[in-house]
Structures are given as structure tokens and as C-alpha cells.
Amino acid sequence: MGSALTAGAQTPQAPGTNAQGNTILVLGDSLSAEYGLKRGTGWVPLLEKQLSSEKKSARVVNASISGDTTSGGLSRLPALLAQHKPAVVVIELGGNDALRGLPLDMTEKNLSTMTQAAKKAGARVLLVGMQVPPNYGSAYAATFSGLFGKIAKAEKVALVPFFLKGIADVADPVANFQADRIHPNEQSQARMLANVWPELKKLIQ
């Protein structure tokens, strides 16, 4: 994931009838998998604490894998949906596709297919959008960043406007990242959750 990766709300779709309980499935990459962090300090574990503090009876399943792409997520999602029957699916993937320069039409198709599969399984979807620095090429960067809003609008799902708002877009973003200048540090995790929570809580019943 890049230090300038960013993320992108539509009216969430009505839940289907197949979801059981109130499980939140997070399908992400290193930004959600606590890469380089002490276990329990990432934004997903912080989400569990947030749910508890607000007395929300939801279970969080973190199925994030560092380095994962949309293709990897797409291949893993059917089994995860069958196993956990989530009420909400958070899709935080795509950044590694861009960093590897993968075809954007493939990324868009994978994200759309994952969104549709989650909806068909009865889950509400939160799509976490991304951006890459302009040195990847302004046309590529603009097209990539636009994918998430395009899919969210077409599928009528919720969208986080900017996953790393207040982290990657500040005057001195280096202070918010680990030594690799790619992954947000422990101090940035609460802000990442704060960026996701407003949209996510709307989907939790």
C-alpha cells in the first residue's frame, strides 16, 4: 500500500434475507491486517472496542491479508460469505492492484463482482476507496480513484470518502507512517477508524 493511498457515500442498499446475526466481515489488505503493528492496535481491533463502547452487538471477522489484491479477495470471498454469513461486508481492496500497475478494468470488474456477491448473500456493503500518487501517471491515478465512486453509485452501496483522510493529506504525512513510508503507524489507526465509522455505523442494526 502506498503512503498516498486514499479511500471514498451512497445510500446503502437494503439487506437481504440470508445474513445471520450481525457479523461484520472486513475483506482487506495490509491497511486492515495490522502490517508492522503490534497485534490488537490496528483499526479493525479498535473497531471492536468502538462497537463494545457503543453497546453494538456485532461480531467482527477480519479476513484481511497483507499484499492482497482484488483478484485474491474475489477468490476468497465466496467461502467467507458461506462460513460467516455476514450482515455487513467492508471491502478494503484495490490499492495493491494500482501499486502493481494492474489493468484497471480488471480491478473494477473484481470490485463490482465482490460487491454483487456480498449483496446477493444478504449483506450490506461498505466500499473503501483508494487513490495513488500522481507519479503513477495522472490519467491512471484519476481513473483508479474514480472506480470506487462509480461502483458504489452503480451498486447503491456505502462508500468511505477517503480512508486516509487526515493521514496522507497533511503537511507532513511522513510522521503518520511507519519507516517504510507506506503503512500508517499505530498512532494513525484511530484516525483510520474515525474515517470508516460514520458510514459503517449506518449499516449496523
C-alpha atoms as a PDB file:
ATOM      1  CA  MET A   1       0.000   0.000   0.000  1.00  0.00           C
ATOM      2  CA  GLY A   2       1.278   3.492  -0.751  1.00  0.00           C
ATOM      3  CA  SER A   3       1.538   6.369   1.681  1.00  0.00           C
ATOM      4  CA  ALA A   4      -0.773   8.423  -0.517  1.00  0.00           C
ATOM      5  CA  LEU A   5      -3.414   5.722  -0.764  1.00  0.00           C
ATOM      6  CA  THR A   6      -6.727   7.220  -0.014  1.00  0.00           C
ATOM      7  CA  ALA A   7     -10.140   5.980   0.321  1.00  0.00           C
ATOM      8  CA  GLY A   8     -14.275   7.319  -0.936  1.00  0.00           C
ATOM      9  CA  ALA A   9     -21.377   7.653   0.492  1.00  0.00           C
ATOM     10  CA  GLN A  10     -24.106   6.417  -1.280  1.00  0.00           C
ATOM     11  CA  THR A  11     -27.397   5.353   0.224  1.00  0.00           C
ATOM     12  CA  PRO A  12     -26.761   1.791   1.441  1.00  0.00           C
ATOM     13  CA  GLN A  13     -28.802  -0.968  -0.071  1.00  0.00           C
ATOM     14  CA  ALA A  14     -31.407  -2.817   1.935  1.00  0.00           C
ATOM     15  CA  PRO A  15     -30.103  -6.026   3.478  1.00  0.00           C
ATOM     16  CA  GLY A  16     -31.076  -9.362   2.060  1.00  0.00           C
ATOM     17  CA  THR A  17     -32.594 -12.225   3.970  1.00  0.00           C
ATOM     18  CA  ASN A  18     -29.648 -14.596   4.131  1.00  0.00           C
ATOM     19  CA  ALA A  19     -27.434 -12.772   6.642  1.00  0.00           C
ATOM     20  CA  GLN A  20     -27.399 -14.223  10.124  1.00  0.00           C
ATOM     21  CA  GLY A  21     -26.699 -12.277  13.299  1.00  0.00           C
ATOM     22  CA  ASN A  22     -24.741  -9.054  12.978  1.00  0.00           C
ATOM     23  CA  THR A  23     -21.320 -10.113  11.750  1.00  0.00           C
ATOM     24  CA  ILE A  24     -19.073  -7.550  10.094  1.00  0.00           C
ATOM     25  CA  LEU A  25     -16.631  -9.076   7.609  1.00  0.00           C
ATOM     26  CA  VAL A  26     -13.600  -6.964   6.752  1.00  0.00           C
ATOM     27  CA  LEU A  27     -12.005  -8.046   3.489  1.00  0.00           C
ATOM     28  CA  GLY A  28      -8.850  -6.014   3.115  1.00  0.00           C
ATOM     29  CA  ASP A  29      -5.114  -5.838   2.594  1.00  0.00           C
ATOM     30  CA  SER A  30      -2.198  -4.686   4.761  1.00  0.00           C
ATOM     31  CA  LEU A  31      -4.007  -1.499   5.797  1.00  0.00           C
ATOM     32  CA  SER A  32      -6.503  -3.683   7.658  1.00  0.00           C
ATOM     33  CA  ALA A  33      -4.230  -6.626   8.526  1.00  0.00           C
ATOM     34  CA  GLU A  34      -2.092  -4.786  11.111  1.00  0.00           C
ATOM     35  CA  TYR A  35       1.021  -4.951   8.940  1.00  0.00           C
ATOM     36  CA  GLY A  36       4.007  -3.845  11.020  1.00  0.00           C
ATOM     37  CA  LEU A  37       1.838  -3.183  14.070  1.00  0.00           C
ATOM     38  CA  LYS A  38       1.518  -4.793  17.455  1.00  0.00           C
ATOM     39  CA  ARG A  39      -1.438  -7.171  17.430  1.00  0.00           C
ATOM     40  CA  GLY A  40      -4.601  -5.538  18.680  1.00  0.00           C
ATOM     41  CA  THR A  41      -3.605  -1.987  17.728  1.00  0.00           C
ATOM     42  CA  GLY A  42      -4.920  -1.831  14.145  1.00  0.00           C
ATOM     43  CA  TRP A  43      -8.114  -0.052  13.144  1.00  0.00           C
ATOM     44  CA  VAL A  44     -10.100  -3.300  12.984  1.00  0.00           C
ATOM     45  CA  PRO A  45      -9.399  -4.282  16.625  1.00  0.00           C
ATOM     46  CA  LEU A  46     -10.173  -0.657  17.523  1.00  0.00           C
ATOM     47  CA  LEU A  47     -13.487  -1.121  15.716  1.00  0.00           C
ATOM     48  CA  GLU A  48     -14.325  -3.993  18.051  1.00  0.00           C
ATOM     49  CA  LYS A  49     -13.695  -1.709  21.024  1.00  0.00           C
ATOM     50  CA  GLN A  50     -15.831   1.002  19.409  1.00  0.00           C
ATOM     51  CA  LEU A  51     -18.703  -1.433  18.964  1.00  0.00           C
ATOM     52  CA  SER A  52     -18.420  -2.530  22.571  1.00  0.00           C
ATOM     53  CA  SER A  53     -18.323   1.027  23.901  1.00  0.00           C
ATOM     54  CA  GLU A  54     -21.449   1.891  21.931  1.00  0.00           C
ATOM     55  CA  LYS A  55     -23.104  -1.354  23.005  1.00  0.00           C
ATOM     56  CA  LYS A  56     -23.449  -2.560  19.421  1.00  0.00           C
ATOM     57  CA  SER A  57     -23.917  -6.326  19.346  1.00  0.00           C
ATOM     58  CA  ALA A  58     -21.789  -7.057  16.306  1.00  0.00           C
ATOM     59  CA  ARG A  59     -19.010  -9.580  15.742  1.00  0.00           C
ATOM     60  CA  VAL A  60     -16.028  -8.577  13.628  1.00  0.00           C
ATOM     61  CA  VAL A  61     -14.256 -11.065  11.356  1.00  0.00           C
ATOM     62  CA  ASN A  62     -11.023  -9.677   9.953  1.00  0.00           C
ATOM     63  CA  ALA A  63     -10.243 -11.588   6.765  1.00  0.00           C
ATOM     64  CA  SER A  64      -7.580  -9.146   5.607  1.00  0.00           C
ATOM     65  CA  ILE A  65      -4.273 -10.353   4.156  1.00  0.00           C
ATOM     66  CA  SER A  66      -1.229  -8.157   3.565  1.00  0.00           C
ATOM     67  CA  GLY A  67      -0.450  -7.834  -0.117  1.00  0.00           C
ATOM     68  CA  ASP A  68      -3.882  -9.000  -1.222  1.00  0.00           C
ATOM     69  CA  THR A  69      -5.338  -7.751  -4.487  1.00  0.00           C
ATOM     70  CA  THR A  70      -8.914  -7.579  -5.705  1.00  0.00           C
ATOM     71  CA  SER A  71      -8.343 -10.875  -7.513  1.00  0.00           C
ATOM     72  CA  GLY A  72      -7.289 -12.505  -4.254  1.00  0.00           C
ATOM     73  CA  GLY A  73     -10.253 -11.048  -2.433  1.00  0.00           C
ATOM     74  CA  LEU A  74     -12.609 -12.216  -5.136  1.00  0.00           C
ATOM     75  CA  SER A  75     -11.304 -15.770  -4.895  1.00  0.00           C
ATOM     76  CA  ARG A  76     -11.622 -15.824  -1.092  1.00  0.00           C
ATOM     77  CA  LEU A  77     -14.977 -14.102  -0.709  1.00  0.00           C
ATOM     78  CA  PRO A  78     -17.408 -16.951  -1.568  1.00  0.00           C
ATOM     79  CA  ALA A  79     -16.063 -19.208   1.187  1.00  0.00           C
ATOM     80  CA  LEU A  80     -16.047 -16.337   3.676  1.00  0.00           C
ATOM     81  CA  LEU A  81     -19.657 -15.465   2.879  1.00  0.00           C
ATOM     82  CA  ALA A  82     -20.701 -19.092   3.251  1.00  0.00           C
ATOM     83  CA  GLN A  83     -18.832 -19.549   6.519  1.00  0.00           C
ATOM     84  CA  HIS A  84     -19.662 -16.309   8.322  1.00  0.00           C
ATOM     85  CA  LYS A  85     -22.938 -15.170   6.698  1.00  0.00           C
ATOM     86  CA  PRO A  86     -22.069 -11.535   7.423  1.00  0.00           C
ATOM     87  CA  ALA A  87     -24.634  -8.767   7.753  1.00  0.00           C
ATOM     88  CA  VAL A  88     -22.033  -6.225   6.608  1.00  0.00           C
ATOM     89  CA  VAL A  89     -19.028  -6.630   4.313  1.00  0.00           C
ATOM     90  CA  VAL A  90     -16.315  -3.975   4.307  1.00  0.00           C
ATOM     91  CA  ILE A  91     -14.276  -4.194   1.092  1.00  0.00           C
ATOM     92  CA  GLU A  92     -10.883  -2.507   1.527  1.00  0.00           C
ATOM     93  CA  LEU A  93      -9.010  -3.697  -1.536  1.00  0.00           C
ATOM     94  CA  GLY A  94      -7.595  -2.237  -4.714  1.00  0.00           C
ATOM     95  CA  GLY A  95      -4.527  -0.374  -3.544  1.00  0.00           C
ATOM     96  CA  ASN A  96      -2.161  -3.223  -4.359  1.00  0.00           C
ATOM     97  CA  ASP A  97      -3.703  -3.542  -7.807  1.00  0.00           C
ATOM     98  CA  ALA A  98      -2.745   0.055  -8.515  1.00  0.00           C
ATOM     99  CA  LEU A  99       0.709  -0.179  -6.981  1.00  0.00           C
ATOM    100  CA  ARG A 100       1.409  -3.143  -9.251  1.00  0.00           C
ATOM    101  CA  GLY A 101       0.029  -1.331 -12.277  1.00  0.00           C
ATOM    102  CA  LEU A 102      -2.610  -3.976 -12.914  1.00  0.00           C
ATOM    103  CA  PRO A 103      -5.295  -3.307 -15.560  1.00  0.00           C
ATOM    104  CA  LEU A 104      -7.928  -1.028 -14.089  1.00  0.00           C
ATOM    105  CA  ASP A 105     -10.771  -2.717 -15.948  1.00  0.00           C
ATOM    106  CA  MET A 106      -9.883  -5.919 -14.095  1.00  0.00           C
ATOM    107  CA  THR A 107      -9.831  -4.100 -10.741  1.00  0.00           C
ATOM    108  CA  GLU A 108     -13.212  -2.533 -11.464  1.00  0.00           C
ATOM    109  CA  LYS A 109     -14.705  -5.857 -12.509  1.00  0.00           C
ATOM    110  CA  ASN A 110     -13.365  -7.616  -9.410  1.00  0.00           C
ATOM    111  CA  LEU A 111     -14.689  -4.953  -7.044  1.00  0.00           C
ATOM    112  CA  SER A 112     -18.070  -4.954  -8.761  1.00  0.00           C
ATOM    113  CA  THR A 113     -18.288  -8.739  -8.635  1.00  0.00           C
ATOM    114  CA  MET A 114     -17.368  -8.811  -4.941  1.00  0.00           C
ATOM    115  CA  THR A 115     -19.954  -6.152  -4.171  1.00  0.00           C
ATOM    116  CA  GLN A 116     -22.644  -8.024  -6.072  1.00  0.00           C
ATOM    117  CA  ALA A 117     -21.744 -11.327  -4.404  1.00  0.00           C
ATOM    118  CA  ALA A 118     -21.934  -9.803  -0.936  1.00  0.00           C
ATOM    119  CA  LYS A 119     -25.301  -8.217  -1.709  1.00  0.00           C
ATOM    120  CA  LYS A 120     -26.622 -11.481  -3.129  1.00  0.00           C
ATOM    121  CA  ALA A 121     -25.580 -13.196   0.108  1.00  0.00           C
ATOM    122  CA  GLY A 122     -27.726 -10.720   2.024  1.00  0.00           C
ATOM    123  CA  ALA A 123     -25.010  -8.378   3.271  1.00  0.00           C
ATOM    124  CA  ARG A 124     -24.829  -4.612   3.258  1.00  0.00           C
ATOM    125  CA  VAL A 125     -21.602  -3.364   1.682  1.00  0.00           C
ATOM    126  CA  LEU A 126     -19.169  -0.608   2.592  1.00  0.00           C
ATOM    127  CA  LEU A 127     -16.637   0.087  -0.143  1.00  0.00           C
ATOM    128  CA  VAL A 128     -13.396   1.747   0.927  1.00  0.00           C
ATOM    129  CA  GLY A 129     -11.962   3.710  -1.964  1.00  0.00           C
ATOM    130  CA  MET A 130      -8.302   4.345  -2.715  1.00  0.00           C
ATOM    131  CA  GLN A 131      -6.031   6.693  -4.620  1.00  0.00           C
ATOM    132  CA  VAL A 132      -2.415   6.520  -5.705  1.00  0.00           C
ATOM    133  CA  PRO A 133       0.142   9.317  -6.046  1.00  0.00           C
ATOM    134  CA  PRO A 134       0.203  11.194  -9.376  1.00  0.00           C
ATOM    135  CA  ASN A 135       3.651   9.781 -10.176  1.00  0.00           C
ATOM    136  CA  TYR A 136       1.787   6.689 -11.358  1.00  0.00           C
ATOM    137  CA  GLY A 137       0.523   8.885 -14.159  1.00  0.00           C
ATOM    138  CA  SER A 138      -2.277  11.413 -13.811  1.00  0.00           C
ATOM    139  CA  ALA A 139      -4.634   9.527 -16.122  1.00  0.00           C
ATOM    140  CA  TYR A 140      -4.083   6.206 -14.327  1.00  0.00           C
ATOM    141  CA  ALA A 141      -4.421   7.819 -10.892  1.00  0.00           C
ATOM    142  CA  ALA A 142      -7.613   9.672 -11.816  1.00  0.00           C
ATOM    143  CA  THR A 143      -9.216   6.625 -13.411  1.00  0.00           C
ATOM    144  CA  PHE A 144      -8.304   4.436 -10.446  1.00  0.00           C
ATOM    145  CA  SER A 145      -9.631   6.831  -7.822  1.00  0.00           C
ATOM    146  CA  GLY A 146     -12.871   7.150  -9.761  1.00  0.00           C
ATOM    147  CA  LEU A 147     -13.551   3.406  -9.796  1.00  0.00           C
ATOM    148  CA  PHE A 148     -14.844   3.242  -6.251  1.00  0.00           C
ATOM    149  CA  GLY A 149     -17.400   6.010  -6.525  1.00  0.00           C
ATOM    150  CA  LYS A 150     -18.520   4.627  -9.872  1.00  0.00           C
ATOM    151  CA  ILE A 151     -19.117   1.164  -8.398  1.00  0.00           C
ATOM    152  CA  ALA A 152     -20.749   2.500  -5.226  1.00  0.00           C
ATOM    153  CA  LYS A 153     -23.180   4.556  -7.296  1.00  0.00           C
ATOM    154  CA  ALA A 154     -23.990   1.710  -9.674  1.00  0.00           C
ATOM    155  CA  GLU A 155     -24.477  -0.832  -6.904  1.00  0.00           C
ATOM    156  CA  LYS A 156     -26.051   1.628  -4.429  1.00  0.00           C
ATOM    157  CA  VAL A 157     -23.653   0.772  -1.621  1.00  0.00           C
ATOM    158  CA  ALA A 158     -21.948   2.890   1.024  1.00  0.00           C
ATOM    159  CA  LEU A 159     -18.578   4.455   0.340  1.00  0.00           C
ATOM    160  CA  VAL A 160     -15.873   5.854   2.630  1.00  0.00           C
ATOM    161  CA  PRO A 161     -14.840   9.148   1.019  1.00  0.00           C
ATOM    162  CA  PHE A 162     -11.131   8.985   1.979  1.00  0.00           C
ATOM    163  CA  PHE A 163      -9.709   6.129   4.071  1.00  0.00           C
ATOM    164  CA  LEU A 164      -6.513   8.016   4.933  1.00  0.00           C
ATOM    165  CA  LYS A 165      -8.043  11.461   5.375  1.00  0.00           C
ATOM    166  CA  GLY A 166      -6.014  13.381   7.905  1.00  0.00           C
ATOM    167  CA  ILE A 167      -3.155  10.910   7.498  1.00  0.00           C
ATOM    168  CA  ALA A 168      -1.835  11.037   3.947  1.00  0.00           C
ATOM    169  CA  ASP A 169      -3.104  14.502   3.016  1.00  0.00           C
ATOM    170  CA  VAL A 170      -1.472  16.567   5.756  1.00  0.00           C
ATOM    171  CA  ALA A 171       1.527  18.882   5.518  1.00  0.00           C
ATOM    172  CA  ASP A 172       3.927  16.279   6.954  1.00  0.00           C
ATOM    173  CA  PRO A 173       2.425  12.856   6.221  1.00  0.00           C
ATOM    174  CA  VAL A 174       5.718  11.045   6.925  1.00  0.00           C
ATOM    175  CA  ALA A 175       5.054  11.390  10.649  1.00  0.00           C
ATOM    176  CA  ASN A 176       1.897   9.307  10.256  1.00  0.00           C
ATOM    177  CA  PHE A 177       3.569   6.330   8.608  1.00  0.00           C
ATOM    178  CA  GLN A 178       5.884   3.515   9.538  1.00  0.00           C
ATOM    179  CA  ALA A 179       9.523   3.614   8.455  1.00  0.00           C
ATOM    180  CA  ASP A 180       8.580   2.240   5.037  1.00  0.00           C
ATOM    181  CA  ARG A 181       6.503   5.383   4.431  1.00  0.00           C
ATOM    182  CA  ILE A 182       3.816   3.093   3.066  1.00  0.00           C
ATOM    183  CA  HIS A 183       1.862   1.746   6.023  1.00  0.00           C
ATOM    184  CA  PRO A 184       0.198   4.014   8.607  1.00  0.00           C
ATOM    185  CA  ASN A 185       1.709   3.736  12.080  1.00  0.00           C
ATOM    186  CA  GLU A 186      -0.061   2.811  15.296  1.00  0.00           C
ATOM    187  CA  GLN A 187      -0.916   6.413  16.085  1.00  0.00           C
ATOM    188  CA  SER A 188      -2.822   6.699  12.784  1.00  0.00           C
ATOM    189  CA  GLN A 189      -5.118   3.736  13.364  1.00  0.00           C
ATOM    190  CA  ALA A 190      -7.678   5.655  15.423  1.00  0.00           C
ATOM    191  CA  ARG A 191      -7.996   8.199  12.614  1.00  0.00           C
ATOM    192  CA  MET A 192      -8.489   5.408  10.083  1.00  0.00           C
ATOM    193  CA  LEU A 193     -11.334   4.052  12.200  1.00  0.00           C
ATOM    194  CA  ALA A 194     -12.781   7.554  12.540  1.00  0.00           C
ATOM    195  CA  ASN A 195     -12.852   7.808   8.753  1.00  0.00           C
ATOM    196  CA  VAL A 196     -14.706   4.500   8.398  1.00  0.00           C
ATOM    197  CA  TRP A 197     -17.040   4.594  11.395  1.00  0.00           C
ATOM    198  CA  PRO A 198     -19.573   7.238  10.268  1.00  0.00           C
ATOM    199  CA  GLU A 199     -20.556   5.170   7.244  1.00  0.00           C
ATOM    200  CA  LEU A 200     -20.164   1.781   8.883  1.00  0.00           C
ATOM    201  CA  LYS A 201     -22.411   2.529  11.844  1.00  0.00           C
ATOM    202  CA  LYS A 202     -25.263   3.336   9.460  1.00  0.00           C
ATOM    203  CA  LEU A 203     -25.135  -0.262   8.246  1.00  0.00           C
ATOM    204  CA  ILE A 204     -25.166  -1.876  11.681  1.00  0.00           C
ATOM    205  CA  GLN A 205     -28.575  -2.802  13.033  1.00  0.00           C
END
